[in-house]
Amino acid sequence: MQRATFNQFLSDYGMLFVLLLLCAYYSWTTFEVQHPTGNVAGEQLAETLAAAFGKGTRVLVVARDSKEDMAFADTLRERLDGRA
C-alpha cells in the first residue's frame, strides 16, 4: 500500500521536483557577485569618498565614452560637488 501511494505521489508531483532541482542547479552554477554600474555606482562611490576624505576633496574622474560610464561620471561629479 505504501509503495502505491509513493508511486502515485511521484506521478503527480515528480515533474515539480525535477523543475525545482533544475532551478536550484542553475541558480548555484550561475551565482556570482554583481557590481553596480551607472548612476548607482556613482552615488555609492561618492558616499564612500565623502566619508573617507570629507568635503572639498579633489578627485579626478575618468570615464569611457559610453552611456553607462558617462552616467557614472556625471552622478559622481554632481554628488561630490554637492549639487545633488
C-alpha atoms as a PDB file:
ATOM      1  CA  MET A   1       0.000   0.000   0.000  1.00  0.00           C
ATOM      2  CA  GLN A   2       2.791   2.466   0.840  1.00  0.00           C
ATOM      3  CA  ARG A   3       4.630   1.816  -2.424  1.00  0.00           C
ATOM      4  CA  ALA A   4       1.485   2.501  -4.438  1.00  0.00           C
ATOM      5  CA  THR A   5       0.962   5.759  -2.542  1.00  0.00           C
ATOM      6  CA  PHE A   6       4.577   6.791  -3.155  1.00  0.00           C
ATOM      7  CA  ASN A   7       4.295   5.959  -6.878  1.00  0.00           C
ATOM      8  CA  GLN A   8       1.096   7.970  -7.146  1.00  0.00           C
ATOM      9  CA  PHE A   9       2.777  10.894  -5.354  1.00  0.00           C
ATOM     10  CA  LEU A  10       5.740  10.764  -7.770  1.00  0.00           C
ATOM     11  CA  SER A  11       3.380  10.530 -10.695  1.00  0.00           C
ATOM     12  CA  ASP A  12       1.517  13.628  -9.516  1.00  0.00           C
ATOM     13  CA  TYR A  13       4.447  15.757  -8.307  1.00  0.00           C
ATOM     14  CA  GLY A  14       7.588  14.268  -9.882  1.00  0.00           C
ATOM     15  CA  MET A  15       7.925  16.944 -12.540  1.00  0.00           C
ATOM     16  CA  LEU A  16       7.675  19.649  -9.875  1.00  0.00           C
ATOM     17  CA  PHE A  17      10.683  18.163  -8.060  1.00  0.00           C
ATOM     18  CA  VAL A  18      12.654  17.915 -11.310  1.00  0.00           C
ATOM     19  CA  LEU A  19      11.942  21.581 -12.061  1.00  0.00           C
ATOM     20  CA  LEU A  20      12.918  22.621  -8.527  1.00  0.00           C
ATOM     21  CA  LEU A  21      16.176  20.702  -8.849  1.00  0.00           C
ATOM     22  CA  LEU A  22      16.901  22.366 -12.197  1.00  0.00           C
ATOM     23  CA  CYS A  23      16.208  25.805 -10.715  1.00  0.00           C
ATOM     24  CA  ALA A  24      18.494  25.084  -7.772  1.00  0.00           C
ATOM     25  CA  TYR A  25      21.251  23.780 -10.052  1.00  0.00           C
ATOM     26  CA  TYR A  26      21.190  26.755 -12.424  1.00  0.00           C
ATOM     27  CA  SER A  27      20.955  29.217  -9.540  1.00  0.00           C
ATOM     28  CA  TRP A  28      24.014  27.665  -7.944  1.00  0.00           C
ATOM     29  CA  THR A  29      26.093  27.441 -11.130  1.00  0.00           C
ATOM     30  CA  THR A  30      25.374  30.991 -12.308  1.00  0.00           C
ATOM     31  CA  PHE A  31      25.743  32.724  -8.946  1.00  0.00           C
ATOM     32  CA  GLU A  32      28.359  35.475  -8.897  1.00  0.00           C
ATOM     33  CA  VAL A  33      28.909  38.819  -7.253  1.00  0.00           C
ATOM     34  CA  GLN A  34      27.482  41.658  -9.292  1.00  0.00           C
ATOM     35  CA  HIS A  35      28.804  45.193  -9.041  1.00  0.00           C
ATOM     36  CA  PRO A  36      26.676  48.304  -9.518  1.00  0.00           C
ATOM     37  CA  THR A  37      27.155  50.417 -12.636  1.00  0.00           C
ATOM     38  CA  GLY A  38      25.945  53.757 -13.932  1.00  0.00           C
ATOM     39  CA  ASN A  39      24.170  56.185 -11.597  1.00  0.00           C
ATOM     40  CA  VAL A  40      24.011  53.756  -8.691  1.00  0.00           C
ATOM     41  CA  ALA A  41      27.768  53.170  -8.775  1.00  0.00           C
ATOM     42  CA  GLY A  42      28.404  56.919  -8.918  1.00  0.00           C
ATOM     43  CA  GLU A  43      26.227  57.524  -5.870  1.00  0.00           C
ATOM     44  CA  GLN A  44      27.869  54.724  -3.886  1.00  0.00           C
ATOM     45  CA  LEU A  45      31.401  55.848  -4.747  1.00  0.00           C
ATOM     46  CA  ALA A  46      30.585  59.471  -3.911  1.00  0.00           C
ATOM     47  CA  GLU A  47      29.324  58.408  -0.472  1.00  0.00           C
ATOM     48  CA  THR A  48      32.440  56.316   0.096  1.00  0.00           C
ATOM     49  CA  LEU A  49      34.797  59.127  -0.958  1.00  0.00           C
ATOM     50  CA  ALA A  50      32.950  61.742   1.102  1.00  0.00           C
ATOM     51  CA  ALA A  51      33.062  59.514   4.184  1.00  0.00           C
ATOM     52  CA  ALA A  52      36.738  58.689   3.741  1.00  0.00           C
ATOM     53  CA  PHE A  53      38.130  62.090   2.750  1.00  0.00           C
ATOM     54  CA  GLY A  54      35.467  64.633   3.678  1.00  0.00           C
ATOM     55  CA  LYS A  55      34.077  67.506   1.656  1.00  0.00           C
ATOM     56  CA  GLY A  56      36.307  69.607  -0.531  1.00  0.00           C
ATOM     57  CA  THR A  57      38.467  66.701  -1.633  1.00  0.00           C
ATOM     58  CA  ARG A  58      39.600  66.935  -5.233  1.00  0.00           C
ATOM     59  CA  VAL A  59      39.024  63.856  -7.360  1.00  0.00           C
ATOM     60  CA  LEU A  60      39.882  63.175 -10.990  1.00  0.00           C
ATOM     61  CA  VAL A  61      37.027  61.320 -12.697  1.00  0.00           C
ATOM     62  CA  VAL A  62      37.928  59.499 -15.911  1.00  0.00           C
ATOM     63  CA  ALA A  63      35.331  57.541 -17.885  1.00  0.00           C
ATOM     64  CA  ARG A  64      34.972  55.932 -21.285  1.00  0.00           C
ATOM     65  CA  ASP A  65      32.637  57.366 -23.878  1.00  0.00           C
ATOM     66  CA  SER A  66      29.730  55.035 -23.193  1.00  0.00           C
ATOM     67  CA  LYS A  67      26.288  55.922 -21.908  1.00  0.00           C
ATOM     68  CA  GLU A  68      26.683  53.938 -18.694  1.00  0.00           C
ATOM     69  CA  ASP A  69      30.158  55.304 -17.914  1.00  0.00           C
ATOM     70  CA  MET A  70      29.082  58.868 -18.600  1.00  0.00           C
ATOM     71  CA  ALA A  71      26.114  58.435 -16.239  1.00  0.00           C
ATOM     72  CA  PHE A  72      28.552  57.161 -13.597  1.00  0.00           C
ATOM     73  CA  ALA A  73      30.924  60.098 -14.068  1.00  0.00           C
ATOM     74  CA  ASP A  74      28.149  62.714 -14.140  1.00  0.00           C
ATOM     75  CA  THR A  75      26.498  61.357 -10.997  1.00  0.00           C
ATOM     76  CA  LEU A  76      29.822  61.122  -9.184  1.00  0.00           C
ATOM     77  CA  ARG A  77      30.738  64.695 -10.132  1.00  0.00           C
ATOM     78  CA  GLU A  78      27.335  66.043  -9.088  1.00  0.00           C
ATOM     79  CA  ARG A  79      27.387  64.244  -5.729  1.00  0.00           C
ATOM     80  CA  LEU A  80      30.935  65.325  -4.928  1.00  0.00           C
ATOM     81  CA  ASP A  81      30.222  68.938  -5.934  1.00  0.00           C
ATOM     82  CA  GLY A  82      27.226  68.868  -3.581  1.00  0.00           C
ATOM     83  CA  ARG A  83      24.728  69.788  -6.270  1.00  0.00           C
ATOM     84  CA  ALA A  84      22.553  66.715  -5.807  1.00  0.00           C
END
